[in-house]
Amino acid sequence: MIEISGTTRIFPVIGWPVEQVKAPALFNAYFKRHNIDARVVPLKIKPEAYVEAVRMLMSFENVGGIFVSIPHKPASVGAVEHATARAALAGSCNSIFRAAGGVLTGDLIDGEGFIRAYDRTCAGQGPNPATSRALVVGTGGVGCAIAYALAERGFSEVAICDTRAEQAAALQARLQAAFPAVRITIGTPHAAGYQVVVNATPLGMHADDMVPIDLRGVSTDCIVADCGMKIEMTRLLRQAEELGCRIQKGKEMLIEQAPLYLEHFGWPGVSSDEFRALGAL
């Protein structure tokens, strides 16, 4: 039984919907193992009520920070007093916390979590970024973060793709200005010719969802990643595995960014290996 008392620090994870979130299971297992009086609680909040809810929740003394899930990451930039450089450039936050001086701050750590998971997937045998092309399909909060992280890593080209053409073009312009040495392009959802392919759309959350990326012609050297967490092996990942590609599951990104959340929330220096050993997902 998970007990909550008047001394418990509460960390909401907010989404719409919120049924798919994995943070409560992962972090509550960690808190229980280490006898930490803290709990992660899912909250289902409509977009139109989100900003007001964030400010109200963060005014409570026993709320230590917020995990942000879909579709609230873009709106989080306007909900905080300060956004980190990467959050401001991407236009999204997924971690909200009180920084030094009590400043309500938003950061975007999906990208760093993705890159850490990518490095673990590659195990030193990944493509050379300087001569490789990456495709990110979806320019919501997680897509923005991953495109930023891949550009920061120095991939020769980062292509972004979204049915919302204006949103994709705006992200392209921001990334190109920030990373002039990287070719930032508008792509299509076709994997052929890329060394890294990422699904950052909600497609894959349900078993009957259409496959968001056409894998025809993909090289077996390609790494195919899906950021979805509700279903561990999405149709995209199953297809990629059948084609001989290396795959990266969505939960890997959460595991690798778990220590980054804890650092924001007051527990620095935690290894992702601790979360990997929990088996809570």
Protein backbone atom coordinates (compact mmCIF):
# COMPACT_ATOMS: atom_id res chain seq x y z
CA MET A 1 0.00 0.00 0.00
CA ILE A 2 1.23 3.50 -0.88
CA GLU A 3 0.56 5.81 2.05
CA ILE A 4 0.05 9.57 1.81
CA SER A 5 0.14 11.88 4.81
CA GLY A 6 0.35 15.55 5.62
CA THR A 7 4.12 15.41 5.24
CA THR A 8 4.12 13.78 1.79
CA ARG A 9 5.52 15.76 -1.13
CA ILE A 10 3.19 15.47 -4.11
CA PHE A 11 4.30 15.51 -7.75
CA PRO A 12 1.38 15.63 -10.20
CA VAL A 13 1.73 14.28 -13.71
CA ILE A 14 -0.75 16.20 -15.84
CA GLY A 15 -2.17 15.09 -19.16
CA TRP A 16 -5.28 14.97 -21.33
CA PRO A 17 -5.68 12.02 -21.48
CA VAL A 18 -3.56 10.71 -18.64
CA GLU A 19 -4.31 6.99 -18.69
CA GLN A 20 -1.14 6.24 -20.67
CA VAL A 21 1.38 7.83 -18.30
CA LYS A 22 4.06 5.61 -16.76
CA ALA A 23 5.65 8.10 -14.37
CA PRO A 24 3.50 7.19 -11.33
CA ALA A 25 4.47 3.51 -11.43
CA LEU A 26 8.15 4.23 -12.04
CA PHE A 27 8.73 7.02 -9.54
CA ASN A 28 6.46 5.68 -6.80
CA ALA A 29 8.38 2.41 -6.94
CA TYR A 30 11.61 4.39 -6.54
CA PHE A 31 10.23 6.42 -3.61
CA LYS A 32 8.99 3.26 -1.91
CA ARG A 33 12.32 1.47 -2.32
CA HIS A 34 14.20 4.40 -0.75
CA ASN A 35 11.59 5.17 1.90
CA ILE A 36 11.10 8.69 0.52
CA ASP A 37 7.92 10.46 1.63
CA ALA A 38 6.87 11.55 -1.85
CA ARG A 39 4.29 10.37 -4.39
CA VAL A 40 3.51 10.95 -8.07
CA VAL A 41 -0.20 11.38 -8.78
CA PRO A 42 -1.82 11.50 -12.26
CA LEU A 43 -4.20 14.40 -12.91
CA LYS A 44 -6.47 14.63 -15.97
CA ILE A 45 -6.86 18.33 -16.79
CA LYS A 46 -8.42 19.88 -19.90
CA PRO A 47 -6.20 22.17 -22.00
CA GLU A 48 -8.31 25.25 -21.29
CA ALA A 49 -7.81 24.79 -17.53
CA TYR A 50 -4.16 23.79 -17.65
CA VAL A 51 -2.25 27.04 -17.09
CA GLU A 52 -4.43 28.07 -14.16
CA ALA A 53 -4.09 24.57 -12.68
CA VAL A 54 -0.27 24.68 -12.88
CA ARG A 55 -0.06 27.99 -11.07
CA MET A 56 -2.53 26.86 -8.41
CA LEU A 57 -0.78 23.52 -7.82
CA MET A 58 2.66 25.10 -7.61
CA SER A 59 1.37 27.52 -4.99
CA PHE A 60 0.77 24.58 -2.65
CA GLU A 61 3.66 24.08 -0.23
CA ASN A 62 3.60 20.28 -0.49
CA VAL A 63 3.67 20.17 -4.30
CA GLY A 64 7.31 19.75 -5.28
CA GLY A 65 7.04 19.87 -9.06
CA ILE A 66 5.02 18.77 -12.08
CA PHE A 67 5.52 16.15 -14.78
CA VAL A 68 3.92 17.41 -17.99
CA SER A 69 2.34 14.99 -20.45
CA ILE A 70 0.47 15.43 -23.76
CA PRO A 71 -0.89 17.80 -24.93
CA HIS A 72 0.23 20.36 -22.35
CA LYS A 73 3.96 20.70 -23.09
CA PRO A 74 3.67 23.74 -25.42
CA ALA A 75 1.27 25.54 -23.06
CA SER A 76 3.73 25.05 -20.19
CA VAL A 77 6.06 27.73 -21.56
CA GLY A 78 3.39 30.33 -20.82
CA ALA A 79 2.57 28.82 -17.45
CA VAL A 80 6.01 29.39 -15.90
CA GLU A 81 8.02 32.47 -14.97
CA HIS A 82 11.17 31.22 -16.69
CA ALA A 83 11.80 28.64 -19.41
CA THR A 84 15.28 27.18 -19.96
CA ALA A 85 17.00 27.92 -23.26
CA ARG A 86 16.15 24.54 -24.76
CA ALA A 87 12.55 24.75 -23.60
CA ALA A 88 12.15 28.25 -25.01
CA LEU A 89 13.68 27.28 -28.36
CA ALA A 90 11.55 24.16 -28.68
CA GLY A 91 8.49 25.97 -27.35
CA SER A 92 7.66 23.24 -24.82
CA CYS A 93 8.29 22.13 -21.24
CA ASN A 94 7.82 18.73 -19.62
CA SER A 95 9.23 19.48 -16.16
CA ILE A 96 8.02 22.33 -13.95
CA PHE A 97 9.77 23.10 -10.67
CA ARG A 98 10.94 25.85 -8.32
CA ALA A 99 14.49 26.88 -9.15
CA ALA A 100 16.84 29.05 -7.08
CA GLY A 101 15.01 31.95 -5.52
CA GLY A 102 11.69 30.17 -5.90
CA VAL A 103 11.35 31.05 -9.59
CA LEU A 104 8.72 28.87 -11.28
CA THR A 105 10.78 27.25 -14.03
CA GLY A 106 10.06 24.99 -16.99
CA ASP A 107 12.57 22.71 -18.69
CA LEU A 108 12.37 20.26 -21.56
CA ILE A 109 14.26 17.06 -20.79
CA ASP A 110 12.62 14.65 -23.26
CA GLY A 111 15.43 15.32 -25.73
CA GLU A 112 18.25 14.62 -23.29
CA GLY A 113 16.41 11.51 -22.12
CA PHE A 114 16.04 10.38 -25.72
CA ILE A 115 19.75 10.91 -26.46
CA ARG A 116 20.79 9.00 -23.34
CA ALA A 117 18.50 6.14 -24.38
CA TYR A 118 19.86 6.36 -27.93
CA ASP A 119 23.42 6.07 -26.65
CA ARG A 120 22.44 2.99 -24.64
CA THR A 121 20.72 1.47 -27.70
CA CYS A 122 23.77 2.11 -29.88
CA ALA A 123 26.27 0.91 -27.26
CA GLY A 124 29.04 2.70 -29.14
CA GLN A 125 28.01 1.19 -32.47
CA GLY A 126 25.74 3.95 -33.76
CA PRO A 127 26.02 5.96 -36.96
CA ASN A 128 28.44 8.86 -37.13
CA PRO A 129 26.24 11.93 -36.53
CA ALA A 130 28.39 14.14 -38.75
CA THR A 131 27.51 12.04 -41.79
CA SER A 132 24.03 10.84 -40.79
CA ARG A 133 20.47 11.98 -41.37
CA ALA A 134 17.68 11.84 -38.78
CA LEU A 135 13.91 12.07 -39.27
CA VAL A 136 11.53 13.17 -36.51
CA VAL A 137 7.82 12.73 -37.24
CA GLY A 138 5.68 14.91 -34.98
CA THR A 139 6.47 18.42 -33.72
CA GLY A 140 4.62 18.42 -30.43
CA GLY A 141 6.55 18.76 -27.21
CA VAL A 142 8.48 15.50 -27.44
CA GLY A 143 9.19 15.94 -31.16
CA CYS A 144 10.55 19.44 -30.59
CA ALA A 145 12.78 18.16 -27.80
CA ILE A 146 14.18 15.28 -29.83
CA ALA A 147 14.79 17.40 -32.93
CA TYR A 148 16.67 19.88 -30.73
CA ALA A 149 18.72 17.09 -29.14
CA LEU A 150 19.64 15.51 -32.47
CA ALA A 151 20.70 18.87 -33.88
CA GLU A 152 22.73 19.54 -30.73
CA ARG A 153 24.40 16.13 -31.13
CA GLY A 154 25.56 17.29 -34.58
CA PHE A 155 23.64 15.17 -37.07
CA SER A 156 24.31 16.46 -40.57
CA GLU A 157 20.58 16.74 -41.26
CA VAL A 158 17.54 16.72 -39.04
CA ALA A 159 14.28 16.46 -40.99
CA ILE A 160 11.02 17.22 -39.24
CA CYS A 161 7.58 16.21 -40.40
CA ASP A 162 4.11 17.17 -39.20
CA THR A 163 0.67 17.50 -40.73
CA ARG A 164 0.61 20.97 -39.14
CA ALA A 165 2.79 22.64 -41.75
CA GLU A 166 3.00 26.05 -40.04
CA GLN A 167 4.08 24.51 -36.74
CA ALA A 168 6.76 22.43 -38.47
CA ALA A 169 8.03 25.44 -40.42
CA ALA A 170 8.26 27.52 -37.26
CA LEU A 171 10.29 24.81 -35.52
CA GLN A 172 12.52 24.49 -38.58
CA ALA A 173 13.29 28.21 -38.50
CA ARG A 174 14.09 28.21 -34.77
CA LEU A 175 16.34 25.16 -35.02
CA GLN A 176 18.15 26.42 -38.10
CA ALA A 177 18.93 29.71 -36.36
CA ALA A 178 20.21 27.88 -33.29
CA PHE A 179 22.22 25.24 -35.19
CA PRO A 180 23.47 26.84 -38.43
CA ALA A 181 25.90 23.98 -39.10
CA VAL A 182 23.07 21.44 -39.21
CA ARG A 183 20.74 21.15 -42.19
CA ILE A 184 17.19 21.44 -40.81
CA THR A 185 14.62 20.36 -43.39
CA ILE A 186 10.93 19.60 -43.75
CA GLY A 187 10.61 15.90 -44.47
CA THR A 188 7.94 13.31 -45.23
CA PRO A 189 7.04 10.25 -43.12
CA HIS A 190 9.23 7.90 -45.16
CA ALA A 191 12.22 6.24 -43.50
CA ALA A 192 14.30 5.42 -46.59
CA GLY A 193 17.62 7.27 -46.59
CA TYR A 194 17.74 8.03 -42.87
CA GLN A 195 19.98 6.52 -40.20
CA VAL A 196 17.71 7.48 -37.29
CA VAL A 197 13.91 7.58 -37.50
CA VAL A 198 11.70 8.73 -34.62
CA ASN A 199 7.94 8.59 -34.15
CA ALA A 200 6.99 11.47 -31.84
CA THR A 201 3.28 11.42 -32.68
CA PRO A 202 0.51 9.89 -30.54
CA LEU A 203 -0.03 7.22 -33.20
CA GLY A 204 0.80 3.89 -31.62
CA MET A 205 -0.99 4.48 -28.33
CA HIS A 206 -3.73 2.10 -29.51
CA ALA A 207 -3.31 -1.31 -31.09
CA ASP A 208 -5.31 -0.39 -34.21
CA ASP A 209 -3.53 2.92 -34.89
CA MET A 210 -2.10 3.39 -38.36
CA VAL A 211 1.68 3.11 -38.66
CA PRO A 212 2.95 6.72 -38.68
CA ILE A 213 6.13 6.12 -40.73
CA ASP A 214 6.54 4.19 -43.97
CA LEU A 215 9.51 1.86 -43.48
CA ARG A 216 9.72 0.67 -47.07
CA GLY A 217 13.31 0.94 -48.29
CA VAL A 218 14.75 1.49 -44.82
CA SER A 219 18.30 0.29 -44.23
CA THR A 220 18.97 -2.41 -41.66
CA ASP A 221 21.51 0.03 -40.18
CA CYS A 222 18.68 2.41 -39.26
CA ILE A 223 17.65 2.91 -35.65
CA VAL A 224 13.86 3.21 -35.36
CA ALA A 225 12.49 4.79 -32.18
CA ASP A 226 8.92 5.19 -30.97
CA CYS A 227 8.23 7.58 -28.11
CA GLY A 228 4.88 6.03 -27.21
CA MET A 229 4.68 4.39 -23.80
CA LYS A 230 1.17 2.97 -23.58
CA ILE A 231 2.08 0.02 -25.82
CA GLU A 232 5.66 -1.21 -25.46
CA MET A 233 5.97 -2.82 -28.89
CA THR A 234 4.01 -0.64 -31.29
CA ARG A 235 3.23 -1.71 -34.84
CA LEU A 236 6.05 0.56 -36.03
CA LEU A 237 8.60 -1.12 -33.77
CA ARG A 238 7.39 -4.59 -34.71
CA GLN A 239 7.74 -3.77 -38.40
CA ALA A 240 11.20 -2.28 -37.84
CA GLU A 241 12.36 -5.34 -35.94
CA GLU A 242 11.05 -7.63 -38.70
CA LEU A 243 13.10 -5.60 -41.20
CA GLY A 244 16.26 -6.09 -39.14
CA CYS A 245 16.51 -2.56 -37.72
CA ARG A 246 17.58 -1.74 -34.20
CA ILE A 247 14.68 -0.35 -32.18
CA GLN A 248 14.27 2.00 -29.23
CA LYS A 249 11.16 1.71 -27.06
CA GLY A 250 9.40 4.69 -25.55
CA LYS A 251 9.96 3.58 -21.97
CA GLU A 252 13.73 3.84 -22.51
CA MET A 253 13.42 7.60 -22.85
CA LEU A 254 11.48 7.84 -19.58
CA ILE A 255 13.97 5.66 -17.72
CA GLU A 256 16.90 7.75 -18.93
CA GLN A 257 15.31 11.06 -18.08
CA ALA A 258 14.09 9.93 -14.66
CA PRO A 259 17.29 11.18 -12.93
CA LEU A 260 16.83 14.56 -14.67
CA TYR A 261 13.37 14.94 -13.15
CA LEU A 262 14.70 14.04 -9.72
CA GLU A 263 17.51 16.56 -10.05
CA HIS A 264 14.92 19.28 -10.73
CA PHE A 265 12.82 18.09 -7.81
CA GLY A 266 15.64 18.03 -5.27
CA TRP A 267 17.35 14.62 -5.56
CA PRO A 268 20.53 15.01 -7.68
CA GLY A 269 23.00 12.31 -8.62
CA VAL A 270 20.60 9.39 -9.15
CA SER A 271 21.56 6.83 -11.83
CA SER A 272 19.10 5.62 -14.45
CA ASP A 273 20.28 2.10 -13.64
CA GLU A 274 18.27 2.30 -10.43
CA PHE A 275 15.09 2.86 -12.41
CA ARG A 276 15.98 0.16 -14.91
CA ALA A 277 16.30 -2.34 -12.06
CA LEU A 278 12.89 -1.48 -10.60
CA GLY A 279 10.90 -3.27 -13.30
CA ALA A 280 7.93 -0.99 -12.57
CA LEU A 281 6.96 -0.41 -16.22
